[in-house]
Amino acid sequence: MKQNTLLLIKPNSTKKNQIGEILQMVEKNGFVIEELKMFKMTSDLADAFYVEHLGKGFYNELSEFMRSGKIVGAVLSREDAVLKLRELVGNTDCAKAALGTVRSIYGESIGENAVHASDSIESAEREIGLIFK
């Protein structure tokens, strides 16, 4: 079933000018870019986006990192987009990500792992609504 999902290219990757390379990987894997924007995450947006992590020990570091630079947001579509994008980006811990995945190539650490990809259809809908109001 064709569906939409969200990709965020995180500040560590935008600072290293890896936007084009990551988007090229996405397109070569059958995704269509439906919407694209560059933005800076605010504290309020970080709180809303990562609401499930509020109050956890790593939250402040995550929020600070996501607010540290520009982010590229992309609404992507294809058959089984959520699952296929999660496969393409790889494990959250880039040290455990399969070779050839976005995080294995561009990730630096579990925190600075290059990209965010929605983990469910429901999350994709909620996250797209937050980023692309």
Protein backbone atom coordinates (compact mmCIF):
# COMPACT_ATOMS: atom_id res chain seq x y z
CA MET A 1 0.00 0.00 0.00
CA LYS A 2 1.34 3.44 -0.94
CA GLN A 3 1.90 5.60 2.12
CA ASN A 4 3.76 8.66 3.35
CA THR A 5 6.51 8.81 5.92
CA LEU A 6 8.80 11.45 7.38
CA LEU A 7 12.57 11.73 7.06
CA LEU A 8 14.54 14.31 9.02
CA ILE A 9 18.15 14.94 8.09
CA LYS A 10 19.67 15.92 11.42
CA PRO A 11 22.02 18.85 12.18
CA ASN A 12 25.22 16.80 12.08
CA SER A 13 24.49 15.75 8.49
CA THR A 14 23.34 19.17 7.31
CA LYS A 15 26.51 20.74 8.75
CA LYS A 16 28.61 18.26 6.76
CA ASN A 17 26.74 19.01 3.50
CA GLN A 18 25.37 15.47 3.25
CA ILE A 19 21.79 16.49 2.36
CA GLY A 20 22.08 15.74 -1.36
CA GLU A 21 23.79 12.39 -0.83
CA ILE A 22 21.11 11.23 1.65
CA LEU A 23 18.24 12.42 -0.57
CA GLN A 24 19.85 10.67 -3.53
CA MET A 25 19.93 7.39 -1.56
CA VAL A 26 16.25 7.86 -0.74
CA GLU A 27 15.27 8.51 -4.36
CA LYS A 28 17.39 5.61 -5.66
CA ASN A 29 15.44 3.35 -3.30
CA GLY A 30 12.08 4.16 -4.86
CA PHE A 31 10.89 7.03 -2.66
CA VAL A 32 9.22 10.10 -4.12
CA ILE A 33 9.88 13.39 -2.34
CA GLU A 34 6.43 14.93 -1.87
CA GLU A 35 7.46 17.88 0.33
CA LEU A 36 10.83 19.25 1.40
CA LYS A 37 11.88 22.02 3.75
CA MET A 38 14.82 23.26 5.77
CA PHE A 39 14.17 24.63 9.24
CA LYS A 40 15.53 25.09 12.76
CA MET A 41 13.83 23.16 15.53
CA THR A 42 12.56 25.22 18.46
CA SER A 43 12.23 24.03 22.05
CA ASP A 44 8.45 23.85 21.67
CA LEU A 45 8.71 21.80 18.48
CA ALA A 46 11.27 19.47 20.06
CA ASP A 47 8.97 18.93 23.06
CA ALA A 48 6.01 18.14 20.78
CA PHE A 49 8.02 15.99 18.36
CA TYR A 50 9.76 13.94 21.07
CA VAL A 51 6.89 13.96 23.57
CA GLU A 52 7.42 10.25 24.40
CA HIS A 53 10.95 11.06 25.58
CA LEU A 54 10.16 14.06 27.79
CA GLY A 55 11.57 13.52 31.27
CA LYS A 56 13.97 10.76 30.23
CA GLY A 57 17.65 11.11 31.11
CA PHE A 58 18.77 11.65 27.52
CA TYR A 59 16.03 14.12 26.55
CA ASN A 60 17.90 17.38 27.23
CA GLU A 61 20.88 16.23 25.16
CA LEU A 62 18.56 15.11 22.33
CA SER A 63 16.65 18.40 22.35
CA GLU A 64 19.85 20.46 22.43
CA PHE A 65 21.31 18.48 19.52
CA MET A 66 18.16 18.81 17.41
CA ARG A 67 18.15 22.58 18.05
CA SER A 68 21.87 22.95 17.24
CA GLY A 69 21.57 23.54 13.51
CA LYS A 70 19.48 23.26 10.40
CA ILE A 71 17.31 20.22 9.73
CA VAL A 72 15.88 19.06 6.41
CA GLY A 73 12.42 17.54 6.59
CA ALA A 74 11.04 15.42 3.77
CA VAL A 75 7.66 13.81 3.26
CA LEU A 76 8.38 10.66 1.27
CA SER A 77 5.97 8.31 -0.46
CA ARG A 78 6.07 4.78 -1.89
CA GLU A 79 4.65 1.34 -1.19
CA ASP A 80 5.23 0.44 2.48
CA ALA A 81 7.11 3.73 2.97
CA VAL A 82 7.44 3.52 6.76
CA LEU A 83 8.96 0.02 6.78
CA LYS A 84 11.12 0.57 3.68
CA LEU A 85 12.57 3.84 5.02
CA ARG A 86 13.37 2.25 8.39
CA GLU A 87 15.23 -0.51 6.51
CA LEU A 88 17.12 2.06 4.42
CA VAL A 89 18.20 4.23 7.37
CA GLY A 90 19.28 1.28 9.53
CA ASN A 91 19.62 0.73 13.27
CA THR A 92 19.44 3.79 15.56
CA ASP A 93 22.88 2.83 16.85
CA CYS A 94 25.00 3.45 13.75
CA ALA A 95 27.62 1.00 15.04
CA LYS A 96 24.97 -1.75 14.70
CA ALA A 97 23.45 -0.48 11.44
CA ALA A 98 23.74 -2.79 8.45
CA LEU A 99 26.43 -1.83 5.95
CA GLY A 100 25.12 0.44 3.22
CA THR A 101 22.36 1.98 5.32
CA VAL A 102 22.18 5.74 5.81
CA ARG A 103 23.22 5.52 9.45
CA SER A 104 26.13 3.16 8.74
CA ILE A 105 27.48 5.66 6.22
CA TYR A 106 26.65 9.02 7.81
CA GLY A 107 25.93 8.35 11.49
CA GLU A 108 28.50 9.35 14.10
CA SER A 109 26.98 7.96 17.30
CA ILE A 110 23.68 6.70 18.69
CA GLY A 111 22.71 10.32 19.38
CA GLU A 112 24.10 11.88 16.21
CA ASN A 113 22.86 9.19 13.86
CA ALA A 114 22.31 11.39 10.77
CA VAL A 115 18.56 10.96 10.27
CA HIS A 116 15.17 10.37 11.86
CA ALA A 117 12.59 8.10 10.21
CA SER A 118 9.04 7.64 11.48
CA ASP A 119 8.56 4.26 13.18
CA SER A 120 4.86 3.68 12.39
CA ILE A 121 2.09 4.96 10.14
CA GLU A 122 0.58 6.75 13.16
CA SER A 123 3.90 8.38 14.06
CA ALA A 124 4.42 9.43 10.45
CA GLU A 125 1.03 11.16 10.35
CA ARG A 126 1.64 12.93 13.67
CA GLU A 127 5.22 13.95 12.81
CA ILE A 128 4.35 15.17 9.30
CA GLY A 129 1.60 17.28 10.87
CA LEU A 130 4.10 18.86 13.25
CA ILE A 131 6.81 19.58 10.68
CA PHE A 132 4.62 20.47 7.68
CA LYS A 133 1.80 22.49 9.28
